[in-house]
């Protein structure tokens, strides 16, 4: 069976997970991660005290190539306090295009969301510790996943065997973003010197079970809820 057919079979269904995002044990947001065929969508909504201090109601979506998880198009709609954005970026030939601006890019490039789909659906041992280029709102970055072995995660009293990874990110060049301002999630997620840990279900649908991110001094814990 070819890799292309395997890829098609593993992305044909809808996989939707809901997550709670907390800092120091206090819930600050809910996130919904939906993977369907060649598209991943993330909805992120603050709650509790965070909704009064740092309100956000954001939707992110990425269309990707199911054969190699390369990024094709990225959209986001941001309502974060006074910041309102409706963004569409797409790859056309060797050009990454946003309105009348562009960057030269290879077709073989990911974005942050398609990298996470790669980790979830088609990560193999030969990719461990390998730097992969990805674009982030006009900035060219590199990311790699480092395997930390197996770990058992207790979710609502059920033990789930997971593959644990650390994700490292660094800039590839000195390009500036397309935007003067972006939302906190997109800013925090790619900061250098940030600790990122991800736990992926070893069997079944290879769901992302949880993630820990230490960014700007805040220890974010992201835990699956619909187990």
N, C-alpha and C. Protein backbone atom coordinates (compact mmCIF):
# COMPACT_ATOMS: atom_id res chain seq x y z
N UNK A 1 0.84 -1.20 0.00
CA UNK A 1 0.00 0.00 0.00
C UNK A 1 0.88 1.25 0.00
N UNK A 2 0.61 2.20 -0.90
CA UNK A 2 1.45 3.38 -1.00
C UNK A 2 1.22 4.31 0.16
N UNK A 3 2.24 5.17 0.39
CA UNK A 3 2.12 6.14 1.47
C UNK A 3 0.95 7.10 1.23
N UNK A 4 0.71 7.44 -0.09
CA UNK A 4 -0.39 8.34 -0.41
C UNK A 4 -1.73 7.76 0.00
N UNK A 5 -1.93 6.45 -0.27
CA UNK A 5 -3.18 5.82 0.12
C UNK A 5 -3.30 5.73 1.62
N UNK A 6 -2.20 5.42 2.29
CA UNK A 6 -2.22 5.40 3.75
C UNK A 6 -2.61 6.76 4.31
N UNK A 7 -2.06 7.81 3.72
CA UNK A 7 -2.36 9.15 4.18
C UNK A 7 -3.83 9.46 4.00
N UNK A 8 -4.39 9.06 2.85
CA UNK A 8 -5.80 9.31 2.60
C UNK A 8 -6.67 8.58 3.60
N UNK A 9 -6.34 7.33 3.88
CA UNK A 9 -7.14 6.55 4.82
C UNK A 9 -7.09 7.11 6.24
N UNK A 10 -5.96 7.70 6.61
CA UNK A 10 -5.84 8.20 7.98
C UNK A 10 -6.40 9.59 8.15
N UNK A 11 -6.79 10.26 7.04
CA UNK A 11 -7.34 11.60 7.19
C UNK A 11 -8.79 11.70 6.73
N UNK A 12 -9.39 10.57 6.33
CA UNK A 12 -10.71 10.62 5.75
C UNK A 12 -11.79 10.89 6.80
N UNK A 13 -11.55 10.59 8.05
CA UNK A 13 -12.54 10.79 9.10
C UNK A 13 -12.36 12.14 9.78
N UNK A 14 -13.37 12.51 10.55
CA UNK A 14 -13.31 13.73 11.32
C UNK A 14 -12.81 13.38 12.73
N UNK A 15 -11.78 14.06 13.18
CA UNK A 15 -11.30 13.88 14.54
C UNK A 15 -11.42 15.22 15.24
N UNK A 16 -12.25 15.28 16.27
CA UNK A 16 -12.45 16.51 17.00
C UNK A 16 -12.15 16.31 18.47
N UNK A 17 -11.32 17.17 19.01
CA UNK A 17 -11.00 17.10 20.43
C UNK A 17 -11.24 18.47 21.06
N UNK A 18 -11.71 18.44 22.31
CA UNK A 18 -11.89 19.65 23.08
C UNK A 18 -10.87 19.65 24.21
N UNK A 19 -10.27 20.81 24.47
CA UNK A 19 -9.21 20.92 25.46
C UNK A 19 -9.52 22.04 26.45
N UNK A 20 -9.06 21.85 27.67
CA UNK A 20 -9.08 22.91 28.66
C UNK A 20 -7.66 23.48 28.76
N UNK A 21 -7.56 24.80 28.75
CA UNK A 21 -6.28 25.48 28.89
C UNK A 21 -6.25 26.14 30.26
N UNK A 22 -5.22 25.82 31.05
CA UNK A 22 -5.15 26.36 32.41
C UNK A 22 -3.76 26.90 32.70
N UNK A 23 -3.70 27.83 33.65
CA UNK A 23 -2.45 28.39 34.16
C UNK A 23 -2.51 28.32 35.68
N UNK A 24 -1.55 27.62 36.29
CA UNK A 24 -1.53 27.43 37.74
C UNK A 24 -2.85 26.85 38.25
N UNK A 25 -3.42 25.92 37.46
CA UNK A 25 -4.64 25.24 37.86
C UNK A 25 -5.92 26.02 37.62
N UNK A 26 -5.83 27.23 37.09
CA UNK A 26 -7.01 28.06 36.82
C UNK A 26 -7.32 28.00 35.32
N UNK A 27 -8.54 27.60 34.98
CA UNK A 27 -8.93 27.52 33.58
C UNK A 27 -8.98 28.92 32.97
N UNK A 28 -8.31 29.08 31.82
CA UNK A 28 -8.27 30.39 31.15
C UNK A 28 -8.89 30.34 29.75
N UNK A 29 -9.07 29.13 29.19
CA UNK A 29 -9.62 29.05 27.83
C UNK A 29 -10.08 27.63 27.53
N UNK A 30 -10.92 27.53 26.51
CA UNK A 30 -11.29 26.26 25.91
C UNK A 30 -10.82 26.27 24.47
N UNK A 31 -10.36 25.12 23.99
CA UNK A 31 -9.91 25.02 22.61
C UNK A 31 -10.53 23.79 21.97
N UNK A 32 -10.90 23.92 20.71
CA UNK A 32 -11.48 22.81 19.95
C UNK A 32 -10.64 22.59 18.70
N UNK A 33 -10.12 21.36 18.56
CA UNK A 33 -9.20 20.99 17.47
C UNK A 33 -9.91 20.00 16.57
N UNK A 34 -10.21 20.40 15.32
CA UNK A 34 -10.95 19.54 14.39
C UNK A 34 -10.15 19.27 13.14
N UNK A 35 -9.90 18.00 12.87
CA UNK A 35 -9.16 17.57 11.69
C UNK A 35 -10.11 16.83 10.77
N UNK A 36 -10.21 17.32 9.54
CA UNK A 36 -11.09 16.68 8.55
C UNK A 36 -10.42 16.72 7.20
N UNK A 37 -10.13 15.54 6.66
CA UNK A 37 -9.51 15.43 5.34
C UNK A 37 -8.25 16.29 5.25
N UNK A 38 -8.29 17.38 4.49
CA UNK A 38 -7.10 18.19 4.27
C UNK A 38 -7.15 19.52 5.01
N UNK A 39 -7.93 19.59 6.07
CA UNK A 39 -8.10 20.87 6.78
C UNK A 39 -8.10 20.65 8.29
N UNK A 40 -7.38 21.53 8.97
CA UNK A 40 -7.40 21.53 10.44
C UNK A 40 -7.93 22.88 10.90
N UNK A 41 -8.82 22.84 11.87
CA UNK A 41 -9.37 24.09 12.41
C UNK A 41 -9.22 24.09 13.93
N UNK A 42 -8.80 25.22 14.45
CA UNK A 42 -8.68 25.41 15.89
C UNK A 42 -9.53 26.60 16.30
N UNK A 43 -10.43 26.37 17.25
CA UNK A 43 -11.20 27.45 17.86
C UNK A 43 -10.70 27.65 19.28
N UNK A 44 -10.45 28.89 19.64
CA UNK A 44 -9.86 29.22 20.95
C UNK A 44 -10.67 30.34 21.58
N UNK A 45 -11.24 30.05 22.76
CA UNK A 45 -12.08 31.03 23.45
C UNK A 45 -11.66 31.12 24.92
N UNK A 46 -11.36 32.32 25.37
CA UNK A 46 -11.02 32.50 26.79
C UNK A 46 -12.28 32.34 27.64
N UNK A 47 -12.03 32.01 28.92
CA UNK A 47 -13.14 31.92 29.86
C UNK A 47 -12.67 32.38 31.25
N UNK A 48 -13.62 32.44 32.19
CA UNK A 48 -13.27 32.82 33.56
C UNK A 48 -12.67 34.21 33.63
N UNK A 49 -11.72 34.37 34.54
CA UNK A 49 -11.10 35.68 34.75
C UNK A 49 -10.33 36.15 33.52
N UNK A 50 -9.78 35.20 32.75
CA UNK A 50 -9.04 35.57 31.54
C UNK A 50 -9.94 36.26 30.52
N UNK A 51 -11.24 35.93 30.54
CA UNK A 51 -12.16 36.53 29.59
C UNK A 51 -12.43 38.00 29.92
N UNK A 52 -12.17 38.38 31.15
CA UNK A 52 -12.30 39.79 31.53
C UNK A 52 -11.00 40.56 31.28
N UNK A 53 -9.86 39.89 31.50
CA UNK A 53 -8.57 40.59 31.41
C UNK A 53 -8.00 40.51 29.99
N UNK A 54 -7.99 39.30 29.38
CA UNK A 54 -7.43 39.09 28.04
C UNK A 54 -8.44 38.36 27.16
N UNK A 55 -9.57 38.93 26.87
CA UNK A 55 -10.60 38.21 26.11
C UNK A 55 -10.13 37.86 24.70
N UNK A 56 -10.47 36.65 24.27
CA UNK A 56 -10.12 36.22 22.90
C UNK A 56 -11.18 35.24 22.40
N UNK A 57 -11.59 35.43 21.16
CA UNK A 57 -12.52 34.53 20.48
C UNK A 57 -11.96 34.36 19.07
N UNK A 58 -11.11 33.34 18.91
CA UNK A 58 -10.29 33.22 17.70
C UNK A 58 -10.56 31.90 16.96
N UNK A 59 -10.46 31.96 15.65
CA UNK A 59 -10.58 30.76 14.81
C UNK A 59 -9.39 30.73 13.84
N UNK A 60 -8.70 29.59 13.79
CA UNK A 60 -7.57 29.40 12.90
C UNK A 60 -7.85 28.18 12.02
N UNK A 61 -7.52 28.25 10.74
CA UNK A 61 -7.69 27.07 9.88
C UNK A 61 -6.54 26.98 8.89
N UNK A 62 -6.14 25.76 8.61
CA UNK A 62 -5.06 25.49 7.65
C UNK A 62 -5.49 24.39 6.70
N UNK A 63 -5.34 24.65 5.41
CA UNK A 63 -5.50 23.62 4.38
C UNK A 63 -4.11 23.11 4.03
N UNK A 64 -3.96 21.78 3.97
CA UNK A 64 -2.63 21.20 3.74
C UNK A 64 -2.71 20.06 2.73
N UNK A 65 -1.57 19.69 2.19
CA UNK A 65 -1.44 18.57 1.26
C UNK A 65 -1.44 17.28 2.07
N UNK A 66 -2.38 16.37 1.78
CA UNK A 66 -2.49 15.15 2.56
C UNK A 66 -1.35 14.16 2.30
N UNK A 67 -0.57 14.38 1.25
CA UNK A 67 0.55 13.47 0.97
C UNK A 67 1.77 13.78 1.83
N UNK A 68 2.00 15.07 2.12
CA UNK A 68 3.22 15.45 2.83
C UNK A 68 2.99 16.47 3.94
N UNK A 69 1.72 16.88 4.13
CA UNK A 69 1.34 17.82 5.18
C UNK A 69 1.93 19.21 4.97
N UNK A 70 2.30 19.51 3.75
CA UNK A 70 2.76 20.86 3.44
C UNK A 70 1.58 21.82 3.46
N UNK A 71 1.84 23.01 3.94
CA UNK A 71 0.83 24.05 4.05
C UNK A 71 0.43 24.58 2.68
N UNK A 72 -0.88 24.85 2.49
CA UNK A 72 -1.39 25.43 1.25
C UNK A 72 -2.03 26.79 1.52
N UNK A 73 -2.87 26.86 2.55
CA UNK A 73 -3.58 28.11 2.85
C UNK A 73 -3.84 28.20 4.35
N UNK A 74 -3.72 29.40 4.87
CA UNK A 74 -3.97 29.66 6.29
C UNK A 74 -4.93 30.84 6.43
N UNK A 75 -5.96 30.66 7.25
CA UNK A 75 -6.91 31.73 7.57
C UNK A 75 -7.00 31.88 9.09
N UNK A 76 -7.23 33.08 9.53
CA UNK A 76 -7.55 33.28 10.94
C UNK A 76 -8.50 34.46 11.09
N UNK A 77 -9.41 34.34 12.06
CA UNK A 77 -10.31 35.42 12.44
C UNK A 77 -10.10 35.68 13.92
N UNK A 78 -9.65 36.88 14.24
CA UNK A 78 -9.23 37.20 15.60
C UNK A 78 -10.13 38.27 16.20
N UNK A 79 -10.64 37.99 17.39
CA UNK A 79 -11.31 38.99 18.22
C UNK A 79 -10.63 38.91 19.59
N UNK A 80 -9.63 39.71 19.77
CA UNK A 80 -8.82 39.69 20.99
C UNK A 80 -8.79 41.12 21.56
N UNK A 81 -9.71 41.40 22.46
CA UNK A 81 -9.81 42.75 22.97
C UNK A 81 -10.02 43.73 21.82
N UNK A 82 -9.14 44.74 21.73
CA UNK A 82 -9.25 45.74 20.67
C UNK A 82 -8.73 45.24 19.32
N UNK A 83 -8.01 44.11 19.32
CA UNK A 83 -7.44 43.59 18.08
C UNK A 83 -8.48 42.78 17.32
N UNK A 84 -8.77 43.21 16.11
CA UNK A 84 -9.69 42.50 15.21
C UNK A 84 -8.94 42.24 13.92
N UNK A 85 -8.84 40.97 13.53
CA UNK A 85 -8.13 40.62 12.31
C UNK A 85 -8.90 39.55 11.53
N UNK A 86 -8.89 39.69 10.22
CA UNK A 86 -9.38 38.64 9.34
C UNK A 86 -8.30 38.44 8.28
N UNK A 87 -7.56 37.34 8.38
CA UNK A 87 -6.32 37.14 7.63
C UNK A 87 -6.43 35.91 6.73
N UNK A 88 -5.90 36.04 5.52
CA UNK A 88 -5.78 34.89 4.62
C UNK A 88 -4.42 34.94 3.96
N UNK A 89 -3.65 33.85 4.13
CA UNK A 89 -2.31 33.72 3.53
C UNK A 89 -2.29 32.42 2.73
N UNK A 90 -1.77 32.47 1.52
CA UNK A 90 -1.72 31.24 0.74
C UNK A 90 -0.41 31.11 -0.01
N UNK A 91 -0.08 29.86 -0.33
CA UNK A 91 1.11 29.55 -1.10
C UNK A 91 0.70 29.32 -2.54
N UNK A 92 1.30 30.09 -3.45
CA UNK A 92 1.01 29.96 -4.87
C UNK A 92 2.34 29.87 -5.62
N UNK A 93 2.63 28.69 -6.14
CA UNK A 93 3.94 28.48 -6.77
C UNK A 93 5.03 28.63 -5.74
N UNK A 94 5.97 29.54 -5.98
CA UNK A 94 7.05 29.76 -5.01
C UNK A 94 6.82 31.04 -4.20
N UNK A 95 5.56 31.52 -4.18
CA UNK A 95 5.26 32.76 -3.48
C UNK A 95 4.25 32.53 -2.36
N UNK A 96 4.58 33.06 -1.19
CA UNK A 96 3.66 33.12 -0.06
C UNK A 96 2.99 34.48 -0.12
N UNK A 97 1.67 34.52 -0.26
CA UNK A 97 0.98 35.76 -0.59
C UNK A 97 0.02 36.18 0.51
N UNK A 98 0.13 37.45 0.90
CA UNK A 98 -0.84 38.08 1.79
C UNK A 98 -1.17 39.45 1.20
N UNK A 99 -2.39 39.59 0.69
CA UNK A 99 -2.82 40.82 0.02
C UNK A 99 -1.80 41.17 -1.09
N UNK A 100 -1.17 42.34 -1.00
CA UNK A 100 -0.20 42.75 -2.02
C UNK A 100 1.24 42.48 -1.62
N UNK A 101 1.42 41.78 -0.53
CA UNK A 101 2.76 41.45 -0.05
C UNK A 101 3.06 39.99 -0.34
N UNK A 102 4.33 39.63 -0.41
CA UNK A 102 4.68 38.23 -0.66
C UNK A 102 6.07 37.92 -0.12
N UNK A 103 6.34 36.63 0.06
CA UNK A 103 7.65 36.11 0.41
C UNK A 103 7.95 34.95 -0.53
N UNK A 104 9.22 34.78 -0.89
CA UNK A 104 9.61 33.63 -1.70
C UNK A 104 9.71 32.40 -0.81
N UNK A 105 9.02 31.33 -1.21
CA UNK A 105 9.01 30.10 -0.43
C UNK A 105 9.09 28.88 -1.34
N UNK A 106 9.68 27.83 -0.81
CA UNK A 106 9.62 26.53 -1.46
C UNK A 106 8.23 25.95 -1.26
N UNK A 107 7.80 25.11 -2.19
CA UNK A 107 6.51 24.42 -2.02
C UNK A 107 6.55 23.46 -0.85
N UNK A 108 7.74 22.97 -0.51
CA UNK A 108 7.88 22.00 0.58
C UNK A 108 8.02 22.72 1.91
N UNK A 109 6.93 23.24 2.39
CA UNK A 109 6.97 23.99 3.64
C UNK A 109 5.68 23.77 4.43
N UNK A 110 5.81 23.77 5.73
CA UNK A 110 4.66 23.59 6.61
C UNK A 110 4.28 24.93 7.21
N UNK A 111 3.21 24.91 8.03
CA UNK A 111 3.01 25.95 9.02
C UNK A 111 2.84 25.26 10.36
N UNK A 112 2.65 26.02 11.42
CA UNK A 112 2.61 25.44 12.75
C UNK A 112 1.53 24.37 12.86
N UNK A 113 0.38 24.61 12.26
CA UNK A 113 -0.74 23.69 12.40
C UNK A 113 -0.53 22.41 11.58
N UNK A 114 0.01 22.54 10.37
CA UNK A 114 0.25 21.32 9.59
C UNK A 114 1.38 20.48 10.20
N UNK A 115 2.33 21.13 10.88
CA UNK A 115 3.36 20.38 11.61
C UNK A 115 2.74 19.53 12.72
N UNK A 116 1.77 20.10 13.42
CA UNK A 116 1.12 19.35 14.50
C UNK A 116 0.29 18.19 13.94
N UNK A 117 -0.31 18.40 12.76
CA UNK A 117 -1.03 17.29 12.11
C UNK A 117 -0.05 16.20 11.70
N UNK A 118 1.11 16.59 11.18
CA UNK A 118 2.16 15.62 10.84
C UNK A 118 2.54 14.80 12.07
N UNK A 119 2.73 15.46 13.19
CA UNK A 119 3.07 14.76 14.43
C UNK A 119 1.96 13.80 14.83
N UNK A 120 0.73 14.24 14.69
CA UNK A 120 -0.41 13.45 15.12
C UNK A 120 -0.68 12.26 14.20
N UNK A 121 -0.53 12.46 12.89
CA UNK A 121 -1.01 11.45 11.96
C UNK A 121 0.07 10.65 11.23
N UNK A 122 1.28 11.21 11.06
CA UNK A 122 2.23 10.51 10.19
C UNK A 122 3.68 10.70 10.63
N UNK A 123 3.90 10.83 11.93
CA UNK A 123 5.26 11.04 12.40
C UNK A 123 5.99 9.71 12.46
N UNK A 124 7.21 9.67 11.89
CA UNK A 124 8.00 8.44 11.87
C UNK A 124 9.35 8.69 12.52
N UNK A 125 10.04 7.64 12.84
CA UNK A 125 11.30 7.74 13.58
C UNK A 125 12.34 8.54 12.82
N UNK A 126 12.28 8.53 11.48
CA UNK A 126 13.28 9.27 10.71
C UNK A 126 13.10 10.79 10.81
N UNK A 127 11.96 11.24 11.33
CA UNK A 127 11.74 12.67 11.52
C UNK A 127 12.17 13.14 12.90
N UNK A 128 12.49 12.22 13.78
CA UNK A 128 12.89 12.61 15.13
C UNK A 128 14.14 13.47 15.09
N UNK A 129 14.06 14.62 15.71
CA UNK A 129 15.14 15.61 15.83
C UNK A 129 15.48 16.32 14.51
N UNK A 130 14.74 16.04 13.43
CA UNK A 130 15.02 16.66 12.14
C UNK A 130 14.38 18.05 12.08
N UNK A 131 15.15 19.05 11.69
CA UNK A 131 14.62 20.41 11.57
C UNK A 131 13.78 20.50 10.30
N UNK A 132 12.56 21.00 10.46
CA UNK A 132 11.63 21.17 9.35
C UNK A 132 11.26 22.64 9.23
N UNK A 133 11.34 23.17 8.01
CA UNK A 133 11.00 24.58 7.80
C UNK A 133 9.49 24.77 7.86
N UNK A 134 9.08 25.87 8.47
CA UNK A 134 7.67 26.23 8.43
C UNK A 134 7.52 27.74 8.45
N UNK A 135 6.44 28.19 7.86
CA UNK A 135 6.18 29.62 7.77
C UNK A 135 5.18 30.01 8.85
N UNK A 136 5.37 31.24 9.36
CA UNK A 136 4.50 31.71 10.43
C UNK A 136 4.20 33.19 10.20
N UNK A 137 3.10 33.43 9.48
CA UNK A 137 2.63 34.79 9.22
C UNK A 137 3.70 35.64 8.52
N UNK A 138 4.41 35.01 7.59
CA UNK A 138 5.42 35.72 6.82
C UNK A 138 6.83 35.55 7.32
N UNK A 139 7.00 34.94 8.47
CA UNK A 139 8.32 34.70 9.04
C UNK A 139 8.70 33.24 8.80
N UNK A 140 9.91 33.00 8.34
CA UNK A 140 10.36 31.63 8.09
C UNK A 140 11.06 31.10 9.35
N UNK A 141 10.56 29.98 9.84
CA UNK A 141 11.08 29.36 11.07
C UNK A 141 11.48 27.92 10.78
N UNK A 142 12.14 27.31 11.76
CA UNK A 142 12.43 25.88 11.73
C UNK A 142 11.93 25.26 13.04
N UNK A 143 11.37 24.07 12.92
CA UNK A 143 10.90 23.37 14.11
C UNK A 143 11.33 21.92 14.07
N UNK A 144 11.49 21.33 15.25
CA UNK A 144 11.81 19.91 15.32
C UNK A 144 11.11 19.30 16.54
N UNK A 145 10.79 18.02 16.42
CA UNK A 145 10.22 17.25 17.52
C UNK A 145 11.28 16.28 18.03
N UNK A 146 11.50 16.29 19.32
CA UNK A 146 12.45 15.38 19.96
C UNK A 146 11.69 14.38 20.81
N UNK A 147 11.85 13.12 20.51
CA UNK A 147 11.16 12.08 21.27
C UNK A 147 11.71 11.97 22.69
N UNK A 148 10.78 11.92 23.65
CA UNK A 148 11.17 11.73 25.05
C UNK A 148 10.68 10.39 25.57
N UNK A 149 10.33 9.47 24.66
CA UNK A 149 9.90 8.13 25.05
C UNK A 149 8.42 8.04 25.35
N UNK A 150 8.04 6.98 26.04
CA UNK A 150 6.64 6.72 26.35
C UNK A 150 6.30 7.23 27.74
N UNK A 151 5.06 7.65 27.90
CA UNK A 151 4.57 8.12 29.19
C UNK A 151 3.10 7.73 29.28
N UNK A 152 2.64 7.42 30.48
CA UNK A 152 1.23 7.10 30.70
C UNK A 152 0.54 8.29 31.33
N UNK A 153 -0.52 8.76 30.67
CA UNK A 153 -1.24 9.94 31.13
C UNK A 153 -2.59 9.53 31.68
N UNK A 154 -2.92 10.01 32.87
CA UNK A 154 -4.20 9.73 33.51
C UNK A 154 -5.19 10.82 33.11
N UNK A 155 -6.20 10.44 32.35
CA UNK A 155 -7.26 11.36 31.95
C UNK A 155 -8.59 10.83 32.47
N UNK A 156 -9.15 11.53 33.44
CA UNK A 156 -10.44 11.14 34.03
C UNK A 156 -10.43 9.69 34.52
N UNK A 157 -9.31 9.28 35.12
CA UNK A 157 -9.21 7.94 35.68
C UNK A 157 -8.83 6.87 34.67
N UNK A 158 -8.61 7.24 33.43
CA UNK A 158 -8.22 6.27 32.40
C UNK A 158 -6.77 6.51 32.01
N UNK A 159 -5.96 5.47 32.03
CA UNK A 159 -4.55 5.57 31.67
C UNK A 159 -4.39 5.44 30.16
N UNK A 160 -3.74 6.43 29.56
CA UNK A 160 -3.52 6.43 28.11
C UNK A 160 -2.01 6.45 27.85
N UNK A 161 -1.53 5.45 27.13
CA UNK A 161 -0.11 5.39 26.78
C UNK A 161 0.16 6.39 25.66
N UNK A 162 1.13 7.27 25.89
CA UNK A 162 1.42 8.35 24.94
C UNK A 162 2.90 8.36 24.57
N UNK A 163 3.16 8.85 23.36
CA UNK A 163 4.51 9.20 22.96
C UNK A 163 4.72 10.67 23.33
N UNK A 164 5.79 10.94 24.06
CA UNK A 164 6.04 12.30 24.53
C UNK A 164 7.12 12.96 23.67
N UNK A 165 6.88 14.23 23.31
CA UNK A 165 7.82 14.96 22.48
C UNK A 165 8.10 16.34 23.07
N UNK A 166 9.27 16.84 22.78
CA UNK A 166 9.57 18.25 23.00
C UNK A 166 9.65 18.91 21.64
N UNK A 167 9.11 20.11 21.53
CA UNK A 167 9.16 20.83 20.27
C UNK A 167 10.04 22.06 20.41
N UNK A 168 11.06 22.16 19.56
CA UNK A 168 11.95 23.32 19.52
C UNK A 168 11.65 24.15 18.28
N UNK A 169 11.76 25.47 18.41
CA UNK A 169 11.53 26.38 17.29
C UNK A 169 12.61 27.46 17.28
N UNK A 170 13.10 27.79 16.09
CA UNK A 170 14.03 28.90 15.96
C UNK A 170 13.84 29.57 14.61
N UNK A 171 14.27 30.83 14.50
CA UNK A 171 14.12 31.58 13.26
C UNK A 171 15.13 31.08 12.22
N UNK A 172 14.69 31.08 10.96
CA UNK A 172 15.53 30.67 9.85
C UNK A 172 16.26 31.86 9.25
N UNK A 173 15.62 33.04 9.27
CA UNK A 173 16.26 34.23 8.73
C UNK A 173 15.72 35.46 9.45
N UNK A 174 15.99 36.64 8.92
CA UNK A 174 15.60 37.88 9.60
C UNK A 174 14.37 38.53 9.00
N UNK A 175 13.58 37.78 8.28
CA UNK A 175 12.36 38.33 7.71
C UNK A 175 11.40 38.81 8.80
N UNK A 176 10.65 39.85 8.49
CA UNK A 176 9.65 40.37 9.41
C UNK A 176 8.28 39.78 9.07
N UNK A 177 7.40 39.82 10.04
CA UNK A 177 6.04 39.33 9.84
C UNK A 177 5.30 40.19 8.84
N UNK A 178 4.26 39.63 8.24
CA UNK A 178 3.37 40.41 7.40
C UNK A 178 2.65 41.51 8.20
N UNK A 179 2.50 41.28 9.52
CA UNK A 179 1.63 42.14 10.33
C UNK A 179 2.43 42.90 11.38
N UNK A 180 1.99 44.10 11.68
CA UNK A 180 2.58 44.87 12.78
C UNK A 180 2.17 44.30 14.13
N UNK A 181 1.02 43.63 14.16
CA UNK A 181 0.49 43.10 15.42
C UNK A 181 -0.18 41.77 15.15
N UNK A 182 -0.03 40.84 16.07
CA UNK A 182 -0.71 39.55 15.95
C UNK A 182 -1.31 39.18 17.30
N UNK A 183 -2.05 38.09 17.31
CA UNK A 183 -2.71 37.67 18.54
C UNK A 183 -1.73 36.94 19.46
N UNK A 184 -2.11 36.82 20.72
CA UNK A 184 -1.21 36.23 21.72
C UNK A 184 -0.89 34.77 21.42
N UNK A 185 -1.87 34.01 20.98
CA UNK A 185 -1.62 32.59 20.73
C UNK A 185 -0.55 32.40 19.64
N UNK A 186 -0.67 33.14 18.56
CA UNK A 186 0.31 33.01 17.48
C UNK A 186 1.67 33.56 17.89
N UNK A 187 1.68 34.56 18.76
CA UNK A 187 2.95 35.12 19.23
C UNK A 187 3.63 34.19 20.22
N UNK A 188 2.90 33.74 21.25
CA UNK A 188 3.49 32.90 22.30
C UNK A 188 3.95 31.55 21.77
N UNK A 189 3.21 30.99 20.81
CA UNK A 189 3.46 29.61 20.39
C UNK A 189 4.81 29.41 19.71
N UNK A 190 5.38 30.47 19.13
CA UNK A 190 6.63 30.30 18.38
C UNK A 190 7.82 31.04 18.99
N UNK A 191 7.64 31.60 20.17
CA UNK A 191 8.76 32.31 20.80
C UNK A 191 9.93 31.36 21.05
N UNK A 192 11.13 31.86 20.78
CA UNK A 192 12.31 31.07 21.10
C UNK A 192 12.48 31.04 22.62
N UNK A 193 13.25 30.09 23.11
CA UNK A 193 13.45 29.89 24.55
C UNK A 193 12.14 29.59 25.27
N UNK A 194 11.21 28.99 24.54
CA UNK A 194 9.94 28.54 25.11
C UNK A 194 9.97 27.02 25.22
N UNK A 195 9.51 26.49 26.33
CA UNK A 195 9.47 25.04 26.54
C UNK A 195 8.12 24.52 26.08
N UNK A 196 8.14 23.57 25.15
CA UNK A 196 6.91 22.98 24.63
C UNK A 196 7.00 21.46 24.74
N UNK A 197 6.03 20.86 25.38
CA UNK A 197 5.96 19.40 25.49
C UNK A 197 4.59 18.94 25.01
N UNK A 198 4.59 17.86 24.24
CA UNK A 198 3.35 17.37 23.64
C UNK A 198 3.26 15.86 23.86
N UNK A 199 2.08 15.39 24.26
CA UNK A 199 1.83 13.97 24.46
C UNK A 199 0.81 13.50 23.42
N UNK A 200 1.20 12.51 22.60
CA UNK A 200 0.35 12.00 21.53
C UNK A 200 -0.01 10.56 21.84
N UNK A 201 -1.29 10.25 21.77
CA UNK A 201 -1.78 8.89 21.99
C UNK A 201 -1.03 7.90 21.09
N UNK A 202 -0.52 6.83 21.70
CA UNK A 202 0.29 5.89 20.92
C UNK A 202 -0.56 5.08 19.95
N UNK A 203 -1.75 4.71 20.36
CA UNK A 203 -2.62 3.86 19.54
C UNK A 203 -3.89 4.61 19.16
N UNK A 204 -4.77 3.93 18.45
CA UNK A 204 -6.04 4.54 18.09
C UNK A 204 -5.87 5.67 17.10
N UNK A 205 -6.52 6.80 17.38
CA UNK A 205 -6.51 7.93 16.47
C UNK A 205 -5.30 8.83 16.64
N UNK A 206 -4.37 8.48 17.51
CA UNK A 206 -3.19 9.29 17.79
C UNK A 206 -3.58 10.73 18.11
N UNK A 207 -4.51 10.85 19.04
CA UNK A 207 -4.93 12.18 19.47
C UNK A 207 -3.82 12.86 20.26
N UNK A 208 -3.79 14.17 20.18
CA UNK A 208 -2.94 14.94 21.09
C UNK A 208 -3.68 14.95 22.43
N UNK A 209 -3.09 14.32 23.43
CA UNK A 209 -3.76 14.16 24.72
C UNK A 209 -3.53 15.37 25.62
N UNK A 210 -2.32 15.88 25.62
CA UNK A 210 -2.06 17.09 26.39
C UNK A 210 -0.80 17.77 25.88
N UNK A 211 -0.63 19.01 26.31
CA UNK A 211 0.58 19.77 25.98
C UNK A 211 0.87 20.74 27.11
N UNK A 212 2.14 20.97 27.37
CA UNK A 212 2.58 21.97 28.35
C UNK A 212 3.45 22.99 27.63
N UNK A 213 3.16 24.26 27.85
CA UNK A 213 3.94 25.33 27.22
C UNK A 213 4.29 26.36 28.28
N UNK A 214 5.58 26.62 28.43
CA UNK A 214 6.03 27.68 29.33
C UNK A 214 6.43 28.86 28.45
N UNK A 215 5.57 29.88 28.41
CA UNK A 215 5.79 31.03 27.53
C UNK A 215 5.59 32.32 28.30
N UNK A 216 6.56 33.23 28.17
CA UNK A 216 6.50 34.53 28.85
C UNK A 216 6.29 34.37 30.36
N UNK A 217 6.81 33.28 30.91
CA UNK A 217 6.70 33.04 32.34
C UNK A 217 5.41 32.39 32.77
N UNK A 218 4.48 32.15 31.83
CA UNK A 218 3.20 31.54 32.15
C UNK A 218 3.24 30.05 31.81
N UNK A 219 2.96 29.16 32.78
CA UNK A 219 2.94 27.71 32.50
C UNK A 219 1.55 27.27 32.02
N UNK A 220 1.37 27.21 30.72
CA UNK A 220 0.08 26.80 30.16
C UNK A 220 0.01 25.27 30.13
N UNK A 221 -1.12 24.73 30.62
CA UNK A 221 -1.38 23.30 30.55
C UNK A 221 -2.62 23.10 29.69
N UNK A 222 -2.50 22.25 28.67
CA UNK A 222 -3.59 21.99 27.73
C UNK A 222 -3.94 20.52 27.83
N UNK A 223 -5.15 20.23 28.31
CA UNK A 223 -5.56 18.85 28.59
C UNK A 223 -6.83 18.50 27.83
N UNK A 224 -6.84 17.32 27.20
CA UNK A 224 -8.02 16.85 26.47
C UNK A 224 -9.17 16.66 27.47
N UNK A 225 -10.37 16.97 27.00
CA UNK A 225 -11.54 16.91 27.88
C UNK A 225 -12.53 15.82 27.49
N UNK A 226 -12.61 15.48 26.21
CA UNK A 226 -13.66 14.58 25.76
C UNK A 226 -13.21 13.13 25.71
N UNK A 227 -12.55 12.68 26.78
CA UNK A 227 -12.12 11.28 26.85
C UNK A 227 -13.23 10.46 27.50
